Structure formats: structure tokens, C-alpha cells
Full PDB file with SEQRES, HELIX, SHEET, SSBOND, CRYST1, ORIGX, SCALE, CONECT and MASTER records, all heavy atoms in Angstrom:
SEQRES   1 A   42  PHE GLU SER GLY PHE ASP GLN GLU LEU PHE ASP VAL PHE          
SEQRES   2 A   42  LYS ASP PHE LYS THR LYS GLU ILE SER ASP LEU ILE LEU          
SEQRES   3 A   42  ASP LEU ARG TYR ASN GLY GLY GLY ASP VAL THR SER ALA          
SEQRES   4 A   42  ASN LEU ILE                                                  
HELIX    1 AA1 SER A    3  PHE A    5  5                                   3    
HELIX    2 AA2 ASP A    6  THR A   18  1                                  13    
HELIX    3 AA3 VAL A   36  LEU A   41  1                                   6    
CRYST1    1.000    1.000    1.000  90.00  90.00  90.00 P 1           1          
ORIGX1      1.000000  0.000000  0.000000        0.00000                         
ORIGX2      0.000000  1.000000  0.000000        0.00000                         
ORIGX3      0.000000  0.000000  1.000000        0.00000                         
SCALE1      1.000000  0.000000  0.000000        0.00000                         
SCALE2      0.000000  1.000000  0.000000        0.00000                         
SCALE3      0.000000  0.000000  1.000000        0.00000                         
ATOM      1  N   PHE A   1      54.882  18.876  -0.976  1.00  0.00           N  
ATOM      2  CA  PHE A   1      54.578  19.034  -2.392  1.00  0.00           C  
ATOM      3  C   PHE A   1      53.096  19.363  -2.528  1.00  0.00           C  
ATOM      4  O   PHE A   1      52.253  18.466  -2.594  1.00  0.00           O  
ATOM      5  CB  PHE A   1      54.936  17.755  -3.156  1.00  0.00           C  
ATOM      6  CG  PHE A   1      56.413  17.512  -3.246  1.00  0.00           C  
ATOM      7  CD1 PHE A   1      57.103  16.932  -2.194  1.00  0.00           C  
ATOM      8  CD2 PHE A   1      57.124  17.880  -4.383  1.00  0.00           C  
ATOM      9  CE1 PHE A   1      58.472  16.719  -2.264  1.00  0.00           C  
ATOM     10  CE2 PHE A   1      58.496  17.672  -4.466  1.00  0.00           C  
ATOM     11  CZ  PHE A   1      59.171  17.096  -3.399  1.00  0.00           C  
ATOM     12  N   GLU A   2      52.791  20.643  -2.540  1.00  0.00           N  
ATOM     13  CA  GLU A   2      51.406  21.096  -2.622  1.00  0.00           C  
ATOM     14  C   GLU A   2      51.226  21.911  -3.893  1.00  0.00           C  
ATOM     15  O   GLU A   2      51.725  23.029  -4.008  1.00  0.00           O  
ATOM     16  CB  GLU A   2      51.055  21.921  -1.385  1.00  0.00           C  
ATOM     17  CG  GLU A   2      51.132  21.113  -0.091  1.00  0.00           C  
ATOM     18  CD  GLU A   2      50.660  21.895   1.110  1.00  0.00           C  
ATOM     19  OE1 GLU A   2      50.044  22.963   0.914  1.00  0.00           O  
ATOM     20  OE2 GLU A   2      50.894  21.434   2.240  1.00  0.00           O  
ATOM     21  N   SER A   3      50.477  21.344  -4.830  1.00  0.00           N  
ATOM     22  CA  SER A   3      50.360  21.963  -6.149  1.00  0.00           C  
ATOM     23  C   SER A   3      49.638  23.302  -6.111  1.00  0.00           C  
ATOM     24  O   SER A   3      49.740  24.091  -7.051  1.00  0.00           O  
ATOM     25  CB  SER A   3      49.651  21.007  -7.118  1.00  0.00           C  
ATOM     26  OG  SER A   3      48.379  20.616  -6.619  1.00  0.00           O  
ATOM     27  N   GLY A   4      48.917  23.593  -5.028  1.00  0.00           N  
ATOM     28  CA  GLY A   4      48.284  24.902  -4.897  1.00  0.00           C  
ATOM     29  C   GLY A   4      49.296  26.029  -4.817  1.00  0.00           C  
ATOM     30  O   GLY A   4      48.968  27.186  -5.078  1.00  0.00           O  
ATOM     31  N   PHE A   5      50.554  25.699  -4.464  1.00  0.00           N  
ATOM     32  CA  PHE A   5      51.621  26.695  -4.370  1.00  0.00           C  
ATOM     33  C   PHE A   5      52.629  26.558  -5.513  1.00  0.00           C  
ATOM     34  O   PHE A   5      53.756  27.047  -5.406  1.00  0.00           O  
ATOM     35  CB  PHE A   5      52.353  26.550  -3.032  1.00  0.00           C  
ATOM     36  CG  PHE A   5      51.583  27.063  -1.849  1.00  0.00           C  
ATOM     37  CD1 PHE A   5      50.725  26.226  -1.155  1.00  0.00           C  
ATOM     38  CD2 PHE A   5      51.697  28.379  -1.446  1.00  0.00           C  
ATOM     39  CE1 PHE A   5      50.011  26.688  -0.059  1.00  0.00           C  
ATOM     40  CE2 PHE A   5      50.988  28.858  -0.357  1.00  0.00           C  
ATOM     41  CZ  PHE A   5      50.139  28.003   0.335  1.00  0.00           C  
ATOM     42  N   ASP A   6      52.213  25.929  -6.612  1.00  0.00           N  
ATOM     43  CA  ASP A   6      53.142  25.723  -7.727  1.00  0.00           C  
ATOM     44  C   ASP A   6      53.630  27.034  -8.339  1.00  0.00           C  
ATOM     45  O   ASP A   6      54.775  27.128  -8.785  1.00  0.00           O  
ATOM     46  CB  ASP A   6      52.494  24.858  -8.814  1.00  0.00           C  
ATOM     47  CG  ASP A   6      52.661  23.371  -8.537  1.00  0.00           C  
ATOM     48  OD1 ASP A   6      53.293  23.019  -7.523  1.00  0.00           O  
ATOM     49  OD2 ASP A   6      52.147  22.555  -9.335  1.00  0.00           O  
ATOM     50  N   GLN A   7      52.777  28.057  -8.382  1.00  0.00           N  
ATOM     51  CA  GLN A   7      53.224  29.327  -8.956  1.00  0.00           C  
ATOM     52  C   GLN A   7      54.329  29.933  -8.095  1.00  0.00           C  
ATOM     53  O   GLN A   7      55.348  30.421  -8.620  1.00  0.00           O  
ATOM     54  CB  GLN A   7      52.061  30.314  -9.081  1.00  0.00           C  
ATOM     55  CG  GLN A   7      52.441  31.628  -9.755  1.00  0.00           C  
ATOM     56  CD  GLN A   7      52.970  31.435 -11.165  1.00  0.00           C  
ATOM     57  OE1 GLN A   7      52.272  30.935 -12.041  1.00  0.00           O  
ATOM     58  NE2 GLN A   7      54.225  31.810 -11.414  1.00  0.00           N  
ATOM     59  N   GLU A   8      54.138  29.912  -6.794  1.00  0.00           N  
ATOM     60  CA  GLU A   8      55.164  30.439  -5.889  1.00  0.00           C  
ATOM     61  C   GLU A   8      56.454  29.628  -6.010  1.00  0.00           C  
ATOM     62  O   GLU A   8      57.563  30.192  -5.976  1.00  0.00           O  
ATOM     63  CB  GLU A   8      54.664  30.403  -4.445  1.00  0.00           C  
ATOM     64  CG  GLU A   8      53.557  31.399  -4.152  1.00  0.00           C  
ATOM     65  CD  GLU A   8      52.152  30.879  -4.435  1.00  0.00           C  
ATOM     66  OE1 GLU A   8      52.020  29.883  -5.188  1.00  0.00           O  
ATOM     67  OE2 GLU A   8      51.184  31.464  -3.925  1.00  0.00           O  
ATOM     68  N   LEU A   9      56.314  28.319  -6.170  1.00  0.00           N  
ATOM     69  CA  LEU A   9      57.478  27.451  -6.323  1.00  0.00           C  
ATOM     70  C   LEU A   9      58.218  27.756  -7.618  1.00  0.00           C  
ATOM     71  O   LEU A   9      59.449  27.876  -7.642  1.00  0.00           O  
ATOM     72  CB  LEU A   9      57.032  25.986  -6.296  1.00  0.00           C  
ATOM     73  CG  LEU A   9      58.107  24.918  -6.437  1.00  0.00           C  
ATOM     74  CD1 LEU A   9      59.124  25.011  -5.311  1.00  0.00           C  
ATOM     75  CD2 LEU A   9      57.467  23.529  -6.469  1.00  0.00           C  
ATOM     76  N   PHE A  10      57.473  27.919  -8.694  1.00  0.00           N  
ATOM     77  CA  PHE A  10      58.078  28.237  -9.988  1.00  0.00           C  
ATOM     78  C   PHE A  10      58.767  29.594  -9.946  1.00  0.00           C  
ATOM     79  O   PHE A  10      59.841  29.784 -10.542  1.00  0.00           O  
ATOM     80  CB  PHE A  10      57.019  28.196 -11.087  1.00  0.00           C  
ATOM     81  CG  PHE A  10      57.557  28.360 -12.476  1.00  0.00           C  
ATOM     82  CD1 PHE A  10      58.687  27.670 -12.905  1.00  0.00           C  
ATOM     83  CD2 PHE A  10      56.935  29.208 -13.384  1.00  0.00           C  
ATOM     84  CE1 PHE A  10      59.189  27.822 -14.191  1.00  0.00           C  
ATOM     85  CE2 PHE A  10      57.429  29.364 -14.662  1.00  0.00           C  
ATOM     86  CZ  PHE A  10      58.558  28.673 -15.065  1.00  0.00           C  
ATOM     87  N   ASP A  11      58.180  30.539  -9.214  1.00  0.00           N  
ATOM     88  CA  ASP A  11      58.800  31.859  -9.084  1.00  0.00           C  
ATOM     89  C   ASP A  11      60.186  31.762  -8.436  1.00  0.00           C  
ATOM     90  O   ASP A  11      61.103  32.524  -8.780  1.00  0.00           O  
ATOM     91  CB  ASP A  11      57.904  32.788  -8.263  1.00  0.00           C  
ATOM     92  CG  ASP A  11      56.652  33.229  -9.014  1.00  0.00           C  
ATOM     93  OD1 ASP A  11      56.634  33.102 -10.263  1.00  0.00           O  
ATOM     94  OD2 ASP A  11      55.696  33.676  -8.357  1.00  0.00           O  
ATOM     95  N   VAL A  12      60.343  30.848  -7.481  1.00  0.00           N  
ATOM     96  CA  VAL A  12      61.648  30.653  -6.842  1.00  0.00           C  
ATOM     97  C   VAL A  12      62.661  30.158  -7.874  1.00  0.00           C  
ATOM     98  O   VAL A  12      63.797  30.650  -7.946  1.00  0.00           O  
ATOM     99  CB  VAL A  12      61.549  29.649  -5.675  1.00  0.00           C  
ATOM    100  CG1 VAL A  12      62.946  29.283  -5.150  1.00  0.00           C  
ATOM    101  CG2 VAL A  12      60.705  30.227  -4.542  1.00  0.00           C  
ATOM    102  N   PHE A  13      62.250  29.203  -8.697  1.00  0.00           N  
ATOM    103  CA  PHE A  13      63.178  28.682  -9.707  1.00  0.00           C  
ATOM    104  C   PHE A  13      63.485  29.722 -10.787  1.00  0.00           C  
ATOM    105  O   PHE A  13      64.607  29.772 -11.303  1.00  0.00           O  
ATOM    106  CB  PHE A  13      62.615  27.389 -10.318  1.00  0.00           C  
ATOM    107  CG  PHE A  13      62.880  26.179  -9.468  1.00  0.00           C  
ATOM    108  CD1 PHE A  13      61.926  25.719  -8.574  1.00  0.00           C  
ATOM    109  CD2 PHE A  13      64.099  25.523  -9.539  1.00  0.00           C  
ATOM    110  CE1 PHE A  13      62.180  24.624  -7.769  1.00  0.00           C  
ATOM    111  CE2 PHE A  13      64.371  24.424  -8.734  1.00  0.00           C  
ATOM    112  CZ  PHE A  13      63.409  23.968  -7.845  1.00  0.00           C  
ATOM    113  N   LYS A  14      62.509  30.550 -11.110  1.00  0.00           N  
ATOM    114  CA  LYS A  14      62.794  31.634 -12.056  1.00  0.00           C  
ATOM    115  C   LYS A  14      63.814  32.598 -11.481  1.00  0.00           C  
ATOM    116  O   LYS A  14      64.708  33.084 -12.195  1.00  0.00           O  
ATOM    117  CB  LYS A  14      61.487  32.363 -12.418  1.00  0.00           C  
ATOM    118  CG  LYS A  14      60.563  31.560 -13.320  1.00  0.00           C  
ATOM    119  CD  LYS A  14      59.451  32.412 -13.914  1.00  0.00           C  
ATOM    120  CE  LYS A  14      58.469  32.861 -12.853  1.00  0.00           C  
ATOM    121  NZ  LYS A  14      57.328  33.614 -13.458  1.00  0.00           N  
ATOM    122  N   ASP A  15      63.720  32.865 -10.191  1.00  0.00           N  
ATOM    123  CA  ASP A  15      64.694  33.730  -9.529  1.00  0.00           C  
ATOM    124  C   ASP A  15      66.077  33.087  -9.539  1.00  0.00           C  
ATOM    125  O   ASP A  15      67.084  33.757  -9.794  1.00  0.00           O  
ATOM    126  CB  ASP A  15      64.248  34.012  -8.097  1.00  0.00           C  
ATOM    127  CG  ASP A  15      65.197  34.938  -7.358  1.00  0.00           C  
ATOM    128  OD1 ASP A  15      65.367  36.088  -7.802  1.00  0.00           O  
ATOM    129  OD2 ASP A  15      65.770  34.513  -6.343  1.00  0.00           O  
ATOM    130  N   PHE A  16      66.126  31.783  -9.281  1.00  0.00           N  
ATOM    131  CA  PHE A  16      67.409  31.067  -9.342  1.00  0.00           C  
ATOM    132  C   PHE A  16      68.040  31.205 -10.729  1.00  0.00           C  
ATOM    133  O   PHE A  16      69.249  31.441 -10.851  1.00  0.00           O  
ATOM    134  CB  PHE A  16      67.202  29.580  -9.033  1.00  0.00           C  
ATOM    135  CG  PHE A  16      66.945  29.262  -7.584  1.00  0.00           C  
ATOM    136  CD1 PHE A  16      66.354  28.045  -7.230  1.00  0.00           C  
ATOM    137  CD2 PHE A  16      67.292  30.137  -6.576  1.00  0.00           C  
ATOM    138  CE1 PHE A  16      66.139  27.731  -5.896  1.00  0.00           C  
ATOM    139  CE2 PHE A  16      67.067  29.836  -5.236  1.00  0.00           C  
ATOM    140  CZ  PHE A  16      66.481  28.613  -4.899  1.00  0.00           C  
ATOM    141  N   LYS A  17      67.206  31.062 -11.758  1.00  0.00           N  
ATOM    142  CA  LYS A  17      67.751  31.134 -13.118  1.00  0.00           C  
ATOM    143  C   LYS A  17      68.204  32.553 -13.446  1.00  0.00           C  
ATOM    144  O   LYS A  17      69.271  32.752 -14.045  1.00  0.00           O  
ATOM    145  CB  LYS A  17      66.719  30.664 -14.134  1.00  0.00           C  
ATOM    146  CG  LYS A  17      67.267  30.667 -15.568  1.00  0.00           C  
ATOM    147  CD  LYS A  17      66.449  29.831 -16.507  1.00  0.00           C  
ATOM    148  CE  LYS A  17      67.118  29.760 -17.872  1.00  0.00           C  
ATOM    149  NZ  LYS A  17      66.395  28.871 -18.799  1.00  0.00           N  
ATOM    150  N   THR A  18      67.400  33.554 -13.065  1.00  0.00           N  
ATOM    151  CA  THR A  18      67.773  34.952 -13.324  1.00  0.00           C  
ATOM    152  C   THR A  18      69.107  35.292 -12.671  1.00  0.00           C  
ATOM    153  O   THR A  18      69.927  36.028 -13.243  1.00  0.00           O  
ATOM    154  CB  THR A  18      66.671  35.894 -12.795  1.00  0.00           C  
ATOM    155  OG1 THR A  18      65.450  35.626 -13.497  1.00  0.00           O  
ATOM    156  CG2 THR A  18      67.061  37.349 -13.005  1.00  0.00           C  
ATOM    157  N   LYS A  19      69.328  34.738 -11.484  1.00  0.00           N  
ATOM    158  CA  LYS A  19      70.571  35.014 -10.751  1.00  0.00           C  
ATOM    159  C   LYS A  19      71.710  34.064 -11.140  1.00  0.00           C  
ATOM    160  O   LYS A  19      72.780  34.106 -10.534  1.00  0.00           O  
ATOM    161  CB  LYS A  19      70.303  34.959  -9.252  1.00  0.00           C  
ATOM    162  CG  LYS A  19      69.395  36.099  -8.795  1.00  0.00           C  
ATOM    163  CD  LYS A  19      69.056  36.023  -7.317  1.00  0.00           C  
ATOM    164  CE  LYS A  19      68.163  37.202  -6.910  1.00  0.00           C  
ATOM    165  NZ  LYS A  19      67.699  37.105  -5.515  1.00  0.00           N  
ATOM    166  N   GLU A  20      71.433  33.215 -12.131  1.00  0.00           N  
ATOM    167  CA  GLU A  20      72.451  32.346 -12.736  1.00  0.00           C  
ATOM    168  C   GLU A  20      73.182  31.492 -11.705  1.00  0.00           C  
ATOM    169  O   GLU A  20      74.410  31.466 -11.632  1.00  0.00           O  
ATOM    170  CB  GLU A  20      73.461  33.183 -13.541  1.00  0.00           C  
ATOM    171  CG  GLU A  20      72.817  33.955 -14.688  1.00  0.00           C  
ATOM    172  CD  GLU A  20      73.823  34.755 -15.487  1.00  0.00           C  
ATOM    173  OE1 GLU A  20      74.916  35.057 -14.970  1.00  0.00           O  
ATOM    174  OE2 GLU A  20      73.508  35.076 -16.655  1.00  0.00           O  
ATOM    175  N   ILE A  21      72.402  30.766 -10.908  1.00  0.00           N  
ATOM    176  CA  ILE A  21      73.053  29.903  -9.925  1.00  0.00           C  
ATOM    177  C   ILE A  21      73.800  28.778 -10.637  1.00  0.00           C  
ATOM    178  O   ILE A  21      73.402  28.313 -11.691  1.00  0.00           O  
ATOM    179  CB  ILE A  21      72.043  29.317  -8.914  1.00  0.00           C  
ATOM    180  CG1 ILE A  21      71.105  28.308  -9.588  1.00  0.00           C  
ATOM    181  CG2 ILE A  21      71.268  30.409  -8.210  1.00  0.00           C  
ATOM    182  CD1 ILE A  21      70.295  27.489  -8.593  1.00  0.00           C  
ATOM    183  N   SER A  22      74.885  28.364 -10.030  1.00  0.00           N  
ATOM    184  CA  SER A  22      75.693  27.275 -10.594  1.00  0.00           C  
ATOM    185  C   SER A  22      75.454  25.959  -9.866  1.00  0.00           C  
ATOM    186  O   SER A  22      75.763  24.881 -10.399  1.00  0.00           O  
ATOM    187  CB  SER A  22      77.183  27.632 -10.512  1.00  0.00           C  
ATOM    188  OG  SER A  22      77.550  27.937  -9.173  1.00  0.00           O  
ATOM    189  N   ASP A  23      74.916  26.040  -8.630  1.00  0.00           N  
ATOM    190  CA  ASP A  23      74.616  24.847  -7.840  1.00  0.00           C  
ATOM    191  C   ASP A  23      73.340  25.086  -7.044  1.00  0.00           C  
ATOM    192  O   ASP A  23      72.981  26.228  -6.744  1.00  0.00           O  
ATOM    193  CB  ASP A  23      75.764  24.525  -6.875  1.00  0.00           C  
ATOM    194  CG  ASP A  23      76.947  23.864  -7.571  1.00  0.00           C  
ATOM    195  OD1 ASP A  23      76.842  22.662  -7.885  1.00  0.00           O  
ATOM    196  OD2 ASP A  23      77.950  24.564  -7.811  1.00  0.00           O  
ATOM    197  N   LEU A  24      72.678  23.982  -6.710  1.00  0.00           N  
ATOM    198  CA  LEU A  24      71.439  24.060  -5.949  1.00  0.00           C  
ATOM    199  C   LEU A  24      71.494  23.105  -4.766  1.00  0.00           C  
ATOM    200  O   LEU A  24      71.882  21.941  -4.907  1.00  0.00           O  
ATOM    201  CB  LEU A  24      70.238  23.702  -6.824  1.00  0.00           C  
ATOM    202  CG  LEU A  24      68.877  23.598  -6.105  1.00  0.00           C  
ATOM    203  CD1 LEU A  24      68.451  24.959  -5.555  1.00  0.00           C  
ATOM    204  CD2 LEU A  24      67.808  23.026  -7.030  1.00  0.00           C  
ATOM    205  N   ILE A  25      71.082  23.618  -3.594  1.00  0.00           N  
ATOM    206  CA  ILE A  25      70.885  22.790  -2.408  1.00  0.00           C  
ATOM    207  C   ILE A  25      69.380  22.739  -2.166  1.00  0.00           C  
ATOM    208  O   ILE A  25      68.749  23.756  -1.875  1.00  0.00           O  
ATOM    209  CB  ILE A  25      71.605  23.378  -1.179  1.00  0.00           C  
ATOM    210  CG1 ILE A  25      73.102  23.536  -1.457  1.00  0.00           C  
ATOM    211  CG2 ILE A  25      71.382  22.484   0.040  1.00  0.00           C  
ATOM    212  CD1 ILE A  25      73.848  24.318  -0.384  1.00  0.00           C  
ATOM    213  N   LEU A  26      68.799  21.558  -2.320  1.00  0.00           N  
ATOM    214  CA  LEU A  26      67.360  21.357  -2.140  1.00  0.00           C  
ATOM    215  C   LEU A  26      67.147  20.679  -0.791  1.00  0.00           C  
ATOM    216  O   LEU A  26      67.562  19.538  -0.583  1.00  0.00           O  
ATOM    217  CB  LEU A  26      66.798  20.492  -3.276  1.00  0.00           C  
ATOM    218  CG  LEU A  26      65.317  20.131  -3.200  1.00  0.00           C  
ATOM    219  CD1 LEU A  26      64.438  21.378  -3.231  1.00  0.00           C  
ATOM    220  CD2 LEU A  26      64.935  19.189  -4.349  1.00  0.00           C  
ATOM    221  N   ASP A  27      66.498  21.388   0.124  1.00  0.00           N  
ATOM    222  CA  ASP A  27      66.321  20.906   1.494  1.00  0.00           C  
ATOM    223  C   ASP A  27      64.951  20.258   1.638  1.00  0.00           C  
ATOM    224  O   ASP A  27      63.929  20.928   1.676  1.00  0.00           O  
ATOM    225  CB  ASP A  27      66.471  22.086   2.461  1.00  0.00           C  
ATOM    226  CG  ASP A  27      66.683  21.647   3.898  1.00  0.00           C  
ATOM    227  OD1 ASP A  27      66.240  20.541   4.245  1.00  0.00           O  
ATOM    228  OD2 ASP A  27      67.292  22.417   4.668  1.00  0.00           O  
ATOM    229  N   LEU A  28      64.955  18.918   1.742  1.00  0.00           N  
ATOM    230  CA  LEU A  28      63.729  18.136   1.866  1.00  0.00           C  
ATOM    231  C   LEU A  28      63.665  17.427   3.220  1.00  0.00           C  
ATOM    232  O   LEU A  28      62.985  16.420   3.374  1.00  0.00           O  
ATOM    233  CB  LEU A  28      63.651  17.103   0.734  1.00  0.00           C  
ATOM    234  CG  LEU A  28      63.652  17.663  -0.691  1.00  0.00           C  
ATOM    235  CD1 LEU A  28      63.750  16.524  -1.711  1.00  0.00           C  
ATOM    236  CD2 LEU A  28      62.399  18.504  -0.966  1.00  0.00           C  
ATOM    237  N   ARG A  29      64.358  17.963   4.216  1.00  0.00           N  
ATOM    238  CA  ARG A  29      64.467  17.294   5.515  1.00  0.00           C  
ATOM    239  C   ARG A  29      63.124  17.000   6.169  1.00  0.00           C  
ATOM    240  O   ARG A  29      62.955  15.991   6.842  1.00  0.00           O  
ATOM    241  CB  ARG A  29      65.311  18.150   6.469  1.00  0.00           C  
ATOM    242  CG  ARG A  29      66.784  17.966   6.295  1.00  0.00           C  
ATOM    243  CD  ARG A  29      67.564  18.827   7.252  1.00  0.00           C  
ATOM    244  NE  ARG A  29      67.734  20.194   6.768  1.00  0.00           N  
ATOM    245  CZ  ARG A  29      68.577  21.057   7.319  1.00  0.00           C  
ATOM    246  NH1 ARG A  29      69.300  20.707   8.369  1.00  0.00           N  
ATOM    247  NH2 ARG A  29      68.712  22.272   6.830  1.00  0.00           N  
ATOM    248  N   TYR A  30      62.166  17.891   6.008  1.00  0.00           N  
ATOM    249  CA  TYR A  30      60.886  17.754   6.710  1.00  0.00           C  
ATOM    250  C   TYR A  30      59.729  17.569   5.726  1.00  0.00           C  
ATOM    251  O   TYR A  30      58.586  17.881   6.034  1.00  0.00           O  
ATOM    252  CB  TYR A  30      60.650  18.984   7.595  1.00  0.00           C  
ATOM    253  CG  TYR A  30      61.878  19.368   8.369  1.00  0.00           C  
ATOM    254  CD1 TYR A  30      62.481  20.616   8.216  1.00  0.00           C  
ATOM    255  CD2 TYR A  30      62.490  18.460   9.232  1.00  0.00           C  
ATOM    256  CE1 TYR A  30      63.629  20.959   8.915  1.00  0.00           C  
ATOM    257  CE2 TYR A  30      63.645  18.787   9.923  1.00  0.00           C  
ATOM    258  CZ  TYR A  30      64.206  20.031   9.767  1.00  0.00           C  
ATOM    259  OH  TYR A  30      65.360  20.350  10.445  1.00  0.00           O  
ATOM    260  N   ASN A  31      60.048  17.051   4.546  1.00  0.00           N  
ATOM    261  CA  ASN A  31      59.047  16.933   3.484  1.00  0.00           C  
ATOM    262  C   ASN A  31      58.589  15.487   3.345  1.00  0.00           C  
ATOM    263  O   ASN A  31      59.315  14.637   2.819  1.00  0.00           O  
ATOM    264  CB  ASN A  31      59.637  17.446   2.167  1.00  0.00           C  
ATOM    265  CG  ASN A  31      58.573  17.664   1.112  1.00  0.00           C  
ATOM    266  OD1 ASN A  31      57.677  16.840   0.943  1.00  0.00           O  
ATOM    267  ND2 ASN A  31      58.656  18.772   0.392  1.00  0.00           N  
ATOM    268  N   GLY A  32      57.366  15.226   3.812  1.00  0.00           N  
ATOM    269  CA  GLY A  32      56.816  13.876   3.760  1.00  0.00           C  
ATOM    270  C   GLY A  32      56.132  13.511   2.472  1.00  0.00           C  
ATOM    271  O   GLY A  32      55.583  12.418   2.333  1.00  0.00           O  
ATOM    272  N   GLY A  33      56.130  14.414   1.476  1.00  0.00           N  
ATOM    273  CA  GLY A  33      55.557  14.074   0.177  1.00  0.00           C  
ATOM    274  C   GLY A  33      54.425  14.996  -0.226  1.00  0.00           C  
ATOM    275  O   GLY A  33      54.336  16.143   0.205  1.00  0.00           O  
ATOM    276  N   GLY A  34      53.528  14.472  -1.063  1.00  0.00           N  
ATOM    277  CA  GLY A  34      52.412  15.263  -1.567  1.00  0.00           C  
ATOM    278  C   GLY A  34      52.145  14.998  -3.027  1.00  0.00           C  
ATOM    279  O   GLY A  34      52.227  13.852  -3.492  1.00  0.00           O  
ATOM    280  N   ASP A  35      51.855  16.058  -3.790  1.00  0.00           N  
ATOM    281  CA  ASP A  35      51.422  15.916  -5.175  1.00  0.00           C  
ATOM    282  C   ASP A  35      52.559  15.547  -6.119  1.00  0.00           C  
ATOM    283  O   ASP A  35      53.599  16.230  -6.156  1.00  0.00           O  
ATOM    284  CB  ASP A  35      50.804  17.233  -5.669  1.00  0.00           C  
ATOM    285  CG  ASP A  35      49.544  17.597  -4.899  1.00  0.00           C  
ATOM    286  OD1 ASP A  35      48.876  16.669  -4.422  1.00  0.00           O  
ATOM    287  OD2 ASP A  35      49.244  18.790  -4.774  1.00  0.00           O  
ATOM    288  N   VAL A  36      52.337  14.507  -6.902  1.00  0.00           N  
ATOM    289  CA  VAL A  36      53.303  14.096  -7.919  1.00  0.00           C  
ATOM    290  C   VAL A  36      53.564  15.228  -8.906  1.00  0.00           C  
ATOM    291  O   VAL A  36      54.686  15.423  -9.370  1.00  0.00           O  
ATOM    292  CB  VAL A  36      52.796  12.843  -8.660  1.00  0.00           C  
ATOM    293  CG1 VAL A  36      53.649  12.558  -9.894  1.00  0.00           C  
ATOM    294  CG2 VAL A  36      52.808  11.631  -7.736  1.00  0.00           C  
ATOM    295  N   THR A  37      52.533  16.013  -9.206  1.00  0.00           N  
ATOM    296  CA  THR A  37      52.693  17.083 -10.190  1.00  0.00           C  
ATOM    297  C   THR A  37      53.744  18.103  -9.742  1.00  0.00           C  
ATOM    298  O   THR A  37      54.540  18.587 -10.543  1.00  0.00           O  
ATOM    299  CB  THR A  37      51.331  17.781 -10.466  1.00  0.00           C  
ATOM    300  OG1 THR A  37      51.508  18.778 -11.456  1.00  0.00           O  
ATOM    301  CG2 THR A  37      50.749  18.403  -9.210  1.00  0.00           C  
ATOM    302  N   SER A  38      53.783  18.430  -8.443  1.00  0.00           N  
ATOM    303  CA  SER A  38      54.776  19.382  -7.954  1.00  0.00           C  
ATOM    304  C   SER A  38      56.171  18.774  -7.940  1.00  0.00           C  
ATOM    305  O   SER A  38      57.169  19.477  -8.140  1.00  0.00           O  
ATOM    306  CB  SER A  38      54.398  19.865  -6.550  1.00  0.00           C  
ATOM    307  OG  SER A  38      53.134  20.494  -6.563  1.00  0.00           O  
ATOM    308  N   ALA A  39      56.252  17.467  -7.726  1.00  0.00           N  
ATOM    309  CA  ALA A  39      57.534  16.772  -7.824  1.00  0.00           C  
ATOM    310  C   ALA A  39      58.067  16.868  -9.243  1.00  0.00           C  
ATOM    311  O   ALA A  39      59.272  17.044  -9.468  1.00  0.00           O  
ATOM    312  CB  ALA A  39      57.381  15.320  -7.396  1.00  0.00           C  
ATOM    313  N   ASN A  40      57.161  16.781 -10.213  1.00  0.00           N  
ATOM    314  CA  ASN A  40      57.550  16.901 -11.617  1.00  0.00           C  
ATOM    315  C   ASN A  40      58.071  18.304 -11.908  1.00  0.00           C  
ATOM    316  O   ASN A  40      59.071  18.487 -12.619  1.00  0.00           O  
ATOM    317  CB  ASN A  40      56.345  16.578 -12.505  1.00  0.00           C  
ATOM    318  CG  ASN A  40      56.732  16.292 -13.941  1.00  0.00           C  
ATOM    319  OD1 ASN A  40      57.535  16.999 -14.535  1.00  0.00           O  
ATOM    320  ND2 ASN A  40      56.146  15.246 -14.514  1.00  0.00           N  
ATOM    321  N   LEU A  41      57.424  19.321 -11.342  1.00  0.00           N  
ATOM    322  CA  LEU A  41      57.867  20.696 -11.545  1.00  0.00           C  
ATOM    323  C   LEU A  41      59.294  20.895 -11.041  1.00  0.00           C  
ATOM    324  O   LEU A  41      60.153  21.436 -11.749  1.00  0.00           O  
ATOM    325  CB  LEU A  41      56.910  21.661 -10.835  1.00  0.00           C  
ATOM    326  CG  LEU A  41      57.104  23.167 -11.086  1.00  0.00           C  
ATOM    327  CD1 LEU A  41      55.802  23.916 -10.833  1.00  0.00           C  
ATOM    328  CD2 LEU A  41      58.191  23.762 -10.208  1.00  0.00           C  
ATOM    329  N   ILE A  42      59.556  20.456  -9.809  1.00  0.00           N  
ATOM    330  CA  ILE A  42      60.890  20.646  -9.230  1.00  0.00           C  
ATOM    331  C   ILE A  42      61.946  19.907 -10.035  1.00  0.00           C  
ATOM    332  O   ILE A  42      62.992  20.463 -10.385  1.00  0.00           O  
ATOM    333  CB  ILE A  42      60.907  20.175  -7.767  1.00  0.00           C  
ATOM    334  CG1 ILE A  42      60.210  21.205  -6.881  1.00  0.00           C  
ATOM    335  CG2 ILE A  42      62.338  19.961  -7.265  1.00  0.00           C  
ATOM    336  CD1 ILE A  42      60.257  20.890  -5.403  1.00  0.00           C  
TER     337      ILE A  42                                                      
MASTER        0    0    0    3    0    0    0    6  336    1    0    4          
END                                                                             
């Protein structure tokens, strides 16, 4: 969770919405944490 990449992260979610996904698989297998603000975004 690195807030310096929040724009890139938001772009992924905008793409998901444009493509009208019905389900999401969020892979956090190797994610040890980071900024609370980016957690809020996701």
C-alpha cells in the first residue's frame, strides 16, 4: 500500500468499472501493508 502509486491504482479500478466487471479477485498474498490512505482507496 504505497500512496505514491495511488493514481496508477485508481486507474486500474477505473478500467475495472469501464469494463463492467461483476466480480473482483484481490490478490494480497505478498502484501505486508503500508499506507492507510491507499487501503481506504481500495
